[in-house]
Amino acid sequence: MLSYRHAFHAGNHADVLKHFILVQLLEYYGQKDKPYWYIDTHAGAGCYSLLDGFSRKNAEHEEGIARLLGRKDVPSELKSYLRVVRELNSPDKLRLYPGSPRCAAALLREDDRMRLFELHPTDKKLLAENFAELGNKVLIQEQDGFTGINAFLPPPPRRAVVLIDPPYEVKTDYRTVITSLKECLRRFPSGTYAVWYPCLHSMQSRELPDKLRRLPIDSWLDVRLDVKSPAEDGYGMHGSGMFIVNPPWNLPATLQKVMPYLVQHLGLDEGASFKLESKIK
């Protein structure tokens, strides 16, 4: 969907959930000496200005990351993610927000690698500029990540975190997430896959988590953050979720601690809540 630009939503509540969990996954992978790959099917521009352009139009970060930075009471598990954001900004001004690739790049070690897909030509160009200094540690493809990912599975180190994060502006994205993940699991069943999904009124959105659970997987985690009650007219996103295949064993305990804090500080009305379910072997 070439009309979609993630800059409109940079730093919102969905980004907070997504990137906090992504940092947790990559920190867990970094505990072992063996290298890993980070693969992103819909990488976007990698980093976003919050002071102008698309991000400023909706200023969604003001009800997302801006509510957390500078607080003294954040759970320790949130601090690594918040540190990635702070390192891009001056102490007195929130100017930039890191997309998923920037969050991952902050945690890459010498032998780790990134493989990034972005179909929008403008964002692909910005992505290449943002990560030019990484040299051969990153490979960027102007390609549909749903299909391009197959060329990189299984990765040479046999360790990878894969983020599947389409815009879902095209209804077929919901079906394609399932078919793409099935193929990924066939090629590389031991990888960790993180699927972001929006919480909307639509049937496709409501059915997706159950369809993901029915895939041939032994270990999974599903966490959802609602920041408000669904609108009476059924319009708009009231929350989002992350479905993790092969999650770290300690991730449920981390989320049990952090999610109530996110509900408290990102919630917009009495409908704010979280839901956490998992099956981990």
C-alpha atoms as a PDB file:
ATOM      1  CA  MET A   1       0.000   0.000   0.000  1.00  0.00           C
ATOM      2  CA  LEU A   2       2.118   2.894  -1.280  1.00  0.00           C
ATOM      3  CA  SER A   3      -0.151   5.573   0.222  1.00  0.00           C
ATOM      4  CA  TYR A   4       0.653   4.461   3.783  1.00  0.00           C
ATOM      5  CA  ARG A   5       3.307   6.409   5.707  1.00  0.00           C
ATOM      6  CA  HIS A   6       4.055   5.351   9.266  1.00  0.00           C
ATOM      7  CA  ALA A   7       5.235   8.875  10.086  1.00  0.00           C
ATOM      8  CA  PHE A   8       1.587   9.827  10.673  1.00  0.00           C
ATOM      9  CA  HIS A   9       1.553   7.521  13.709  1.00  0.00           C
ATOM     10  CA  ALA A  10       5.145   7.674  14.952  1.00  0.00           C
ATOM     11  CA  GLY A  11       5.489   7.321  18.713  1.00  0.00           C
ATOM     12  CA  ASN A  12       1.826   6.545  19.408  1.00  0.00           C
ATOM     13  CA  HIS A  13       0.572   3.967  21.908  1.00  0.00           C
ATOM     14  CA  ALA A  14       0.917   1.156  19.351  1.00  0.00           C
ATOM     15  CA  ASP A  15       4.572   2.052  18.749  1.00  0.00           C
ATOM     16  CA  VAL A  16       5.224   2.073  22.485  1.00  0.00           C
ATOM     17  CA  LEU A  17       3.872  -1.462  22.849  1.00  0.00           C
ATOM     18  CA  LYS A  18       5.547  -2.742  19.697  1.00  0.00           C
ATOM     19  CA  HIS A  19       8.979  -1.265  20.331  1.00  0.00           C
ATOM     20  CA  PHE A  20       9.096  -2.020  24.036  1.00  0.00           C
ATOM     21  CA  ILE A  21       8.451  -5.698  23.227  1.00  0.00           C
ATOM     22  CA  LEU A  22      10.903  -5.659  20.310  1.00  0.00           C
ATOM     23  CA  VAL A  23      13.662  -4.367  22.595  1.00  0.00           C
ATOM     24  CA  GLN A  24      12.821  -7.126  25.099  1.00  0.00           C
ATOM     25  CA  LEU A  25      13.129  -9.775  22.379  1.00  0.00           C
ATOM     26  CA  LEU A  26      16.450  -8.472  21.085  1.00  0.00           C
ATOM     27  CA  GLU A  27      17.937  -8.092  24.545  1.00  0.00           C
ATOM     28  CA  TYR A  28      17.034 -11.711  25.208  1.00  0.00           C
ATOM     29  CA  TYR A  29      18.710 -12.816  21.966  1.00  0.00           C
ATOM     30  CA  GLY A  30      21.768 -10.766  22.888  1.00  0.00           C
ATOM     31  CA  GLN A  31      22.310 -12.791  26.056  1.00  0.00           C
ATOM     32  CA  LYS A  32      23.985 -15.533  24.001  1.00  0.00           C
ATOM     33  CA  ASP A  33      27.293 -14.975  22.229  1.00  0.00           C
ATOM     34  CA  LYS A  34      26.056 -16.479  18.957  1.00  0.00           C
ATOM     35  CA  PRO A  35      24.958 -13.791  16.465  1.00  0.00           C
ATOM     36  CA  TYR A  36      21.388 -13.304  15.270  1.00  0.00           C
ATOM     37  CA  TRP A  37      19.560 -11.563  12.429  1.00  0.00           C
ATOM     38  CA  TYR A  38      16.818  -8.973  12.789  1.00  0.00           C
ATOM     39  CA  ILE A  39      14.393  -9.110   9.850  1.00  0.00           C
ATOM     40  CA  ASP A  40      11.694  -6.459   9.340  1.00  0.00           C
ATOM     41  CA  THR A  41       9.024  -7.009   6.675  1.00  0.00           C
ATOM     42  CA  HIS A  42       7.692  -3.409   6.722  1.00  0.00           C
ATOM     43  CA  ALA A  43      10.563  -1.275   7.938  1.00  0.00           C
ATOM     44  CA  GLY A  44       9.312   2.233   7.115  1.00  0.00           C
ATOM     45  CA  ALA A  45      11.817   5.098   7.168  1.00  0.00           C
ATOM     46  CA  GLY A  46      13.554   3.885  10.325  1.00  0.00           C
ATOM     47  CA  CYS A  47      13.419   7.202  12.192  1.00  0.00           C
ATOM     48  CA  TYR A  48      10.857  10.025  12.279  1.00  0.00           C
ATOM     49  CA  SER A  49      10.839  13.729  13.023  1.00  0.00           C
ATOM     50  CA  LEU A  50       8.109  14.650  15.500  1.00  0.00           C
ATOM     51  CA  LEU A  51       8.337  18.392  14.894  1.00  0.00           C
ATOM     52  CA  ASP A  52       7.304  18.626  11.252  1.00  0.00           C
ATOM     53  CA  GLY A  53       5.887  16.743   8.297  1.00  0.00           C
ATOM     54  CA  PHE A  54       3.491  13.821   8.673  1.00  0.00           C
ATOM     55  CA  SER A  55       4.196  13.220  12.372  1.00  0.00           C
ATOM     56  CA  ARG A  56       3.265  16.753  13.365  1.00  0.00           C
ATOM     57  CA  LYS A  57      -0.092  16.581  11.566  1.00  0.00           C
ATOM     58  CA  ASN A  58      -1.671  14.182  14.067  1.00  0.00           C
ATOM     59  CA  ALA A  59       0.928  14.446  16.864  1.00  0.00           C
ATOM     60  CA  GLU A  60      -0.025  10.962  18.042  1.00  0.00           C
ATOM     61  CA  HIS A  61       3.216  10.759  20.028  1.00  0.00           C
ATOM     62  CA  GLU A  62       1.731  13.197  22.539  1.00  0.00           C
ATOM     63  CA  GLU A  63      -0.595  10.429  23.744  1.00  0.00           C
ATOM     64  CA  GLY A  64       2.144   7.807  23.426  1.00  0.00           C
ATOM     65  CA  ILE A  65       5.864   8.112  24.063  1.00  0.00           C
ATOM     66  CA  ALA A  66       5.616  11.716  25.357  1.00  0.00           C
ATOM     67  CA  ARG A  67       3.603  10.453  28.334  1.00  0.00           C
ATOM     68  CA  LEU A  68       6.439   8.170  29.449  1.00  0.00           C
ATOM     69  CA  LEU A  69       9.676  10.060  28.829  1.00  0.00           C
ATOM     70  CA  GLY A  70      10.879  11.924  31.872  1.00  0.00           C
ATOM     71  CA  ARG A  71       8.819   9.954  34.377  1.00  0.00           C
ATOM     72  CA  LYS A  72      10.682   8.790  37.486  1.00  0.00           C
ATOM     73  CA  ASP A  73       8.442   5.803  38.244  1.00  0.00           C
ATOM     74  CA  VAL A  74       8.860   3.684  35.097  1.00  0.00           C
ATOM     75  CA  PRO A  75       9.341  -0.069  35.632  1.00  0.00           C
ATOM     76  CA  SER A  76      12.927  -1.169  35.101  1.00  0.00           C
ATOM     77  CA  GLU A  77      11.852  -3.342  32.161  1.00  0.00           C
ATOM     78  CA  LEU A  78      10.810  -0.236  30.205  1.00  0.00           C
ATOM     79  CA  LYS A  79      14.093   1.579  30.651  1.00  0.00           C
ATOM     80  CA  SER A  80      16.043  -0.001  27.791  1.00  0.00           C
ATOM     81  CA  TYR A  81      13.360   1.010  25.303  1.00  0.00           C
ATOM     82  CA  LEU A  82      13.109   4.523  26.720  1.00  0.00           C
ATOM     83  CA  ARG A  83      16.903   4.829  26.602  1.00  0.00           C
ATOM     84  CA  VAL A  84      16.824   4.175  22.833  1.00  0.00           C
ATOM     85  CA  VAL A  85      14.370   7.062  22.436  1.00  0.00           C
ATOM     86  CA  ARG A  86      16.286   9.412  24.730  1.00  0.00           C
ATOM     87  CA  GLU A  87      19.596   8.805  22.944  1.00  0.00           C
ATOM     88  CA  LEU A  88      18.079  10.274  19.765  1.00  0.00           C
ATOM     89  CA  ASN A  89      16.932  13.443  21.543  1.00  0.00           C
ATOM     90  CA  SER A  90      18.230  16.305  23.626  1.00  0.00           C
ATOM     91  CA  PRO A  91      17.326  16.241  27.343  1.00  0.00           C
ATOM     92  CA  ASP A  92      14.802  19.072  26.983  1.00  0.00           C
ATOM     93  CA  LYS A  93      13.089  18.268  23.672  1.00  0.00           C
ATOM     94  CA  LEU A  94      11.453  15.257  22.041  1.00  0.00           C
ATOM     95  CA  ARG A  95      12.343  15.729  18.384  1.00  0.00           C
ATOM     96  CA  LEU A  96      12.826  12.252  16.916  1.00  0.00           C
ATOM     97  CA  TYR A  97      11.233   8.863  17.320  1.00  0.00           C
ATOM     98  CA  PRO A  98      12.993   5.589  16.419  1.00  0.00           C
ATOM     99  CA  GLY A  99      11.158   3.167  14.179  1.00  0.00           C
ATOM    100  CA  SER A 100      11.607  -0.561  14.607  1.00  0.00           C
ATOM    101  CA  PRO A 101      14.907  -0.720  12.659  1.00  0.00           C
ATOM    102  CA  ARG A 102      16.421   2.071  14.776  1.00  0.00           C
ATOM    103  CA  CYS A 103      15.392   0.281  17.960  1.00  0.00           C
ATOM    104  CA  ALA A 104      17.027  -2.873  16.624  1.00  0.00           C
ATOM    105  CA  ALA A 105      20.176  -1.075  15.453  1.00  0.00           C
ATOM    106  CA  ALA A 106      20.725   0.278  18.961  1.00  0.00           C
ATOM    107  CA  LEU A 107      21.085  -3.308  20.210  1.00  0.00           C
ATOM    108  CA  LEU A 108      23.056  -4.882  17.364  1.00  0.00           C
ATOM    109  CA  ARG A 109      26.422  -6.376  18.235  1.00  0.00           C
ATOM    110  CA  GLU A 110      29.412  -6.691  15.900  1.00  0.00           C
ATOM    111  CA  ASP A 111      28.291  -9.925  14.217  1.00  0.00           C
ATOM    112  CA  ASP A 112      24.524  -9.351  14.256  1.00  0.00           C
ATOM    113  CA  ARG A 113      22.791  -8.332  11.028  1.00  0.00           C
ATOM    114  CA  MET A 114      19.629  -6.524   9.865  1.00  0.00           C
ATOM    115  CA  ARG A 115      17.566  -7.365   6.791  1.00  0.00           C
ATOM    116  CA  LEU A 116      14.965  -4.667   6.071  1.00  0.00           C
ATOM    117  CA  PHE A 117      12.125  -4.502   3.537  1.00  0.00           C
ATOM    118  CA  GLU A 118      10.296  -1.327   2.525  1.00  0.00           C
ATOM    119  CA  LEU A 119       8.152  -1.050  -0.593  1.00  0.00           C
ATOM    120  CA  HIS A 120       7.500   2.710  -0.524  1.00  0.00           C
ATOM    121  CA  PRO A 121      10.324   4.282  -2.602  1.00  0.00           C
ATOM    122  CA  THR A 122      10.514   7.479  -0.542  1.00  0.00           C
ATOM    123  CA  ASP A 123      10.696   5.640   2.764  1.00  0.00           C
ATOM    124  CA  LYS A 124      13.159   3.140   1.314  1.00  0.00           C
ATOM    125  CA  LYS A 125      15.443   6.031   0.355  1.00  0.00           C
ATOM    126  CA  LEU A 126      15.168   7.533   3.847  1.00  0.00           C
ATOM    127  CA  LEU A 127      15.804   4.116   5.361  1.00  0.00           C
ATOM    128  CA  ALA A 128      19.010   3.732   3.360  1.00  0.00           C
ATOM    129  CA  GLU A 129      20.169   7.202   4.416  1.00  0.00           C
ATOM    130  CA  ASN A 130      19.400   6.518   8.068  1.00  0.00           C
ATOM    131  CA  PHE A 131      21.496   3.350   8.136  1.00  0.00           C
ATOM    132  CA  ALA A 132      24.265   4.124   5.674  1.00  0.00           C
ATOM    133  CA  GLU A 133      26.828   4.083   8.485  1.00  0.00           C
ATOM    134  CA  LEU A 134      26.105   0.425   9.255  1.00  0.00           C
ATOM    135  CA  GLY A 135      27.641  -0.761   5.995  1.00  0.00           C
ATOM    136  CA  ASN A 136      27.280  -4.492   5.397  1.00  0.00           C
ATOM    137  CA  LYS A 137      25.555  -5.015   8.752  1.00  0.00           C
ATOM    138  CA  VAL A 138      22.293  -4.014   7.075  1.00  0.00           C
ATOM    139  CA  LEU A 139      20.709  -4.964   3.753  1.00  0.00           C
ATOM    140  CA  ILE A 140      17.720  -2.923   2.568  1.00  0.00           C
ATOM    141  CA  GLN A 141      15.340  -4.172  -0.120  1.00  0.00           C
ATOM    142  CA  GLU A 142      12.691  -2.136  -1.962  1.00  0.00           C
ATOM    143  CA  GLN A 143      10.395  -5.115  -2.001  1.00  0.00           C
ATOM    144  CA  ASP A 144       7.260  -6.566  -0.459  1.00  0.00           C
ATOM    145  CA  GLY A 145       8.527  -8.087   2.770  1.00  0.00           C
ATOM    146  CA  PHE A 146       5.803 -10.737   2.777  1.00  0.00           C
ATOM    147  CA  THR A 147       7.466 -12.425  -0.198  1.00  0.00           C
ATOM    148  CA  GLY A 148      11.029 -11.154   0.093  1.00  0.00           C
ATOM    149  CA  ILE A 149      11.535 -12.671   3.529  1.00  0.00           C
ATOM    150  CA  ASN A 150      11.618 -16.187   2.100  1.00  0.00           C
ATOM    151  CA  ALA A 151      15.067 -15.591   0.614  1.00  0.00           C
ATOM    152  CA  PHE A 152      16.538 -15.062   4.082  1.00  0.00           C
ATOM    153  CA  LEU A 153      15.065 -18.062   5.894  1.00  0.00           C
ATOM    154  CA  PRO A 154      16.656 -19.892   7.485  1.00  0.00           C
ATOM    155  CA  PRO A 155      19.345 -17.297   8.270  1.00  0.00           C
ATOM    156  CA  PRO A 156      22.978 -18.473   8.402  1.00  0.00           C
ATOM    157  CA  PRO A 157      23.315 -18.201  12.208  1.00  0.00           C
ATOM    158  CA  ARG A 158      20.023 -20.093  12.676  1.00  0.00           C
ATOM    159  CA  ARG A 159      18.879 -17.364  15.076  1.00  0.00           C
ATOM    160  CA  ALA A 160      16.525 -14.533  14.126  1.00  0.00           C
ATOM    161  CA  VAL A 161      13.863 -12.159  15.371  1.00  0.00           C
ATOM    162  CA  VAL A 162      11.358 -11.374  12.609  1.00  0.00           C
ATOM    163  CA  LEU A 163       8.960  -8.437  12.891  1.00  0.00           C
ATOM    164  CA  ILE A 164       5.839  -8.677  10.711  1.00  0.00           C
ATOM    165  CA  ASP A 165       4.222  -5.260  10.873  1.00  0.00           C
ATOM    166  CA  PRO A 166       2.051  -4.403   7.844  1.00  0.00           C
ATOM    167  CA  PRO A 167      -0.250  -1.347   7.818  1.00  0.00           C
ATOM    168  CA  TYR A 168      -3.440  -3.459   7.416  1.00  0.00           C
ATOM    169  CA  GLU A 169      -4.912  -0.708   5.244  1.00  0.00           C
ATOM    170  CA  VAL A 170      -5.555  -3.379   2.643  1.00  0.00           C
ATOM    171  CA  LYS A 171      -7.920  -6.058   3.976  1.00  0.00           C
ATOM    172  CA  THR A 172      -5.894  -8.801   2.313  1.00  0.00           C
ATOM    173  CA  ASP A 173      -3.023  -8.028   4.710  1.00  0.00           C
ATOM    174  CA  TYR A 174      -4.818 -10.039   7.400  1.00  0.00           C
ATOM    175  CA  ARG A 175      -4.891 -13.128   5.198  1.00  0.00           C
ATOM    176  CA  THR A 176      -1.370 -12.538   3.932  1.00  0.00           C
ATOM    177  CA  VAL A 177       0.012 -12.359   7.483  1.00  0.00           C
ATOM    178  CA  ILE A 178      -1.258 -15.897   8.075  1.00  0.00           C
ATOM    179  CA  THR A 179      -0.013 -17.360   4.797  1.00  0.00           C
ATOM    180  CA  SER A 180       3.354 -15.608   5.070  1.00  0.00           C
ATOM    181  CA  LEU A 181       3.904 -16.750   8.656  1.00  0.00           C
ATOM    182  CA  LYS A 182       2.981 -20.320   7.707  1.00  0.00           C
ATOM    183  CA  GLU A 183       5.700 -20.295   5.058  1.00  0.00           C
ATOM    184  CA  CYS A 184       8.197 -18.702   7.451  1.00  0.00           C
ATOM    185  CA  LEU A 185       7.552 -21.432  10.000  1.00  0.00           C
ATOM    186  CA  ARG A 186       7.951 -24.118   7.362  1.00  0.00           C
ATOM    187  CA  ARG A 187      11.345 -22.730   6.388  1.00  0.00           C
ATOM    188  CA  PHE A 188      12.549 -21.725   9.845  1.00  0.00           C
ATOM    189  CA  PRO A 189      10.377 -23.112  12.681  1.00  0.00           C
ATOM    190  CA  SER A 190      12.750 -22.117  15.508  1.00  0.00           C
ATOM    191  CA  GLY A 191      12.754 -18.375  14.790  1.00  0.00           C
ATOM    192  CA  THR A 192      11.036 -15.810  16.970  1.00  0.00           C
ATOM    193  CA  TYR A 193       8.266 -14.040  15.057  1.00  0.00           C
ATOM    194  CA  ALA A 194       6.535 -10.904  16.325  1.00  0.00           C
ATOM    195  CA  VAL A 195       3.286  -9.968  14.575  1.00  0.00           C
ATOM    196  CA  TRP A 196       1.808  -6.555  15.331  1.00  0.00           C
ATOM    197  CA  TYR A 197      -1.931  -6.133  14.800  1.00  0.00           C
ATOM    198  CA  PRO A 198      -4.435  -3.280  15.261  1.00  0.00           C
ATOM    199  CA  CYS A 199      -7.512  -3.517  17.472  1.00  0.00           C
ATOM    200  CA  LEU A 200     -10.366  -2.356  15.266  1.00  0.00           C
ATOM    201  CA  HIS A 201     -14.074  -2.997  14.948  1.00  0.00           C
ATOM    202  CA  SER A 202     -13.594  -4.998  11.745  1.00  0.00           C
ATOM    203  CA  MET A 203     -14.107  -8.751  11.724  1.00  0.00           C
ATOM    204  CA  GLN A 204     -10.671  -9.309  10.158  1.00  0.00           C
ATOM    205  CA  SER A 205      -8.966  -7.534  13.045  1.00  0.00           C
ATOM    206  CA  ARG A 206     -10.947  -9.362  15.721  1.00  0.00           C
ATOM    207  CA  GLU A 207     -10.357 -12.786  14.175  1.00  0.00           C
ATOM    208  CA  LEU A 208      -6.626 -12.467  13.487  1.00  0.00           C
ATOM    209  CA  PRO A 209      -5.283 -13.422  16.964  1.00  0.00           C
ATOM    210  CA  ASP A 210      -7.354 -16.631  17.007  1.00  0.00           C
ATOM    211  CA  LYS A 211      -6.177 -17.545  13.521  1.00  0.00           C
ATOM    212  CA  LEU A 212      -2.563 -17.010  14.612  1.00  0.00           C
ATOM    213  CA  ARG A 213      -3.059 -19.342  17.575  1.00  0.00           C
ATOM    214  CA  ARG A 214      -4.291 -22.074  15.257  1.00  0.00           C
ATOM    215  CA  LEU A 215      -1.008 -22.150  13.347  1.00  0.00           C
ATOM    216  CA  PRO A 216       1.245 -25.205  13.895  1.00  0.00           C
ATOM    217  CA  ILE A 217       3.171 -23.686  16.826  1.00  0.00           C
ATOM    218  CA  ASP A 218       3.943 -24.977  20.313  1.00  0.00           C
ATOM    219  CA  SER A 219       4.886 -21.707  22.033  1.00  0.00           C
ATOM    220  CA  TRP A 220       3.161 -18.353  21.659  1.00  0.00           C
ATOM    221  CA  LEU A 221       2.245 -15.184  23.518  1.00  0.00           C
ATOM    222  CA  ASP A 222      -0.540 -12.731  22.757  1.00  0.00           C
ATOM    223  CA  VAL A 223      -0.613  -9.338  24.476  1.00  0.00           C
ATOM    224  CA  ARG A 224      -3.095  -6.553  23.774  1.00  0.00           C
ATOM    225  CA  LEU A 225      -3.233  -2.952  24.966  1.00  0.00           C
ATOM    226  CA  ASP A 226      -6.494  -1.034  24.640  1.00  0.00           C
ATOM    227  CA  VAL A 227      -6.137   2.677  25.408  1.00  0.00           C
ATOM    228  CA  LYS A 228      -9.817   3.545  25.134  1.00  0.00           C
ATOM    229  CA  SER A 229     -13.281   2.132  24.590  1.00  0.00           C
ATOM    230  CA  PRO A 230     -14.210   1.273  20.998  1.00  0.00           C
ATOM    231  CA  ALA A 231     -15.991   4.153  19.283  1.00  0.00           C
ATOM    232  CA  GLU A 232     -19.765   3.779  19.006  1.00  0.00           C
ATOM    233  CA  ASP A 233     -19.568   4.286  15.248  1.00  0.00           C
ATOM    234  CA  GLY A 234     -16.923   1.556  14.997  1.00  0.00           C
ATOM    235  CA  TYR A 235     -14.365   3.962  13.530  1.00  0.00           C
ATOM    236  CA  GLY A 236     -10.704   4.098  14.473  1.00  0.00           C
ATOM    237  CA  MET A 237      -8.138   2.034  16.353  1.00  0.00           C
ATOM    238  CA  HIS A 238      -8.706   1.693  20.081  1.00  0.00           C
ATOM    239  CA  GLY A 239      -5.671  -0.447  20.789  1.00  0.00           C
ATOM    240  CA  SER A 240      -3.173  -2.887  19.357  1.00  0.00           C
ATOM    241  CA  GLY A 241      -1.552  -6.212  20.076  1.00  0.00           C
ATOM    242  CA  MET A 242       1.583  -8.262  19.578  1.00  0.00           C
ATOM    243  CA  PHE A 243       1.481 -11.969  18.850  1.00  0.00           C
ATOM    244  CA  ILE A 244       4.837 -13.659  19.476  1.00  0.00           C
ATOM    245  CA  VAL A 245       5.778 -17.084  18.151  1.00  0.00           C
ATOM    246  CA  ASN A 246       8.546 -18.764  20.192  1.00  0.00           C
ATOM    247  CA  PRO A 247       8.693 -16.010  22.831  1.00  0.00           C
ATOM    248  CA  PRO A 248      11.340 -15.856  25.576  1.00  0.00           C
ATOM    249  CA  TRP A 249      10.293 -17.870  28.617  1.00  0.00           C
ATOM    250  CA  ASN A 250      10.469 -14.800  30.876  1.00  0.00           C
ATOM    251  CA  LEU A 251       8.405 -12.458  28.692  1.00  0.00           C
ATOM    252  CA  PRO A 252       5.016 -13.187  30.352  1.00  0.00           C
ATOM    253  CA  ALA A 253       6.320 -12.129  33.773  1.00  0.00           C
ATOM    254  CA  THR A 254       7.805  -8.953  32.295  1.00  0.00           C
ATOM    255  CA  LEU A 255       4.518  -8.030  30.643  1.00  0.00           C
ATOM    256  CA  GLN A 256       2.505  -8.784  33.785  1.00  0.00           C
ATOM    257  CA  LYS A 257       4.585  -6.111  35.486  1.00  0.00           C
ATOM    258  CA  VAL A 258       4.685  -3.504  32.704  1.00  0.00           C
ATOM    259  CA  MET A 259       1.247  -3.676  31.102  1.00  0.00           C
ATOM    260  CA  PRO A 260      -0.688  -2.242  34.092  1.00  0.00           C
ATOM    261  CA  TYR A 261       1.706   0.712  34.031  1.00  0.00           C
ATOM    262  CA  LEU A 262       1.052   1.289  30.320  1.00  0.00           C
ATOM    263  CA  VAL A 263      -2.699   1.097  30.893  1.00  0.00           C
ATOM    264  CA  GLN A 264      -2.408   3.669  33.687  1.00  0.00           C
ATOM    265  CA  HIS A 265      -0.323   6.179  31.751  1.00  0.00           C
ATOM    266  CA  LEU A 266      -1.453   5.651  28.144  1.00  0.00           C
ATOM    267  CA  GLY A 267      -5.128   5.013  28.836  1.00  0.00           C
ATOM    268  CA  LEU A 268      -7.564   7.659  27.590  1.00  0.00           C
ATOM    269  CA  ASP A 269     -10.802   6.555  29.245  1.00  0.00           C
ATOM    270  CA  GLU A 270     -12.365   3.845  31.389  1.00  0.00           C
ATOM    271  CA  GLY A 271     -12.038   1.368  28.520  1.00  0.00           C
ATOM    272  CA  ALA A 272      -8.251   1.219  28.875  1.00  0.00           C
ATOM    273  CA  SER A 273      -7.106  -2.322  29.681  1.00  0.00           C
ATOM    274  CA  PHE A 274      -4.711  -5.079  28.724  1.00  0.00           C
ATOM    275  CA  LYS A 275      -5.023  -8.769  27.959  1.00  0.00           C
ATOM    276  CA  LEU A 276      -2.181 -11.271  28.179  1.00  0.00           C
ATOM    277  CA  GLU A 277      -2.310 -14.947  27.247  1.00  0.00           C
ATOM    278  CA  SER A 278       0.502 -17.361  26.514  1.00  0.00           C
ATOM    279  CA  LYS A 279       1.474 -20.975  25.973  1.00  0.00           C
ATOM    280  CA  ILE A 280       5.202 -21.480  26.365  1.00  0.00           C
ATOM    281  CA  LYS A 281       7.069 -24.783  26.253  1.00  0.00           C
END
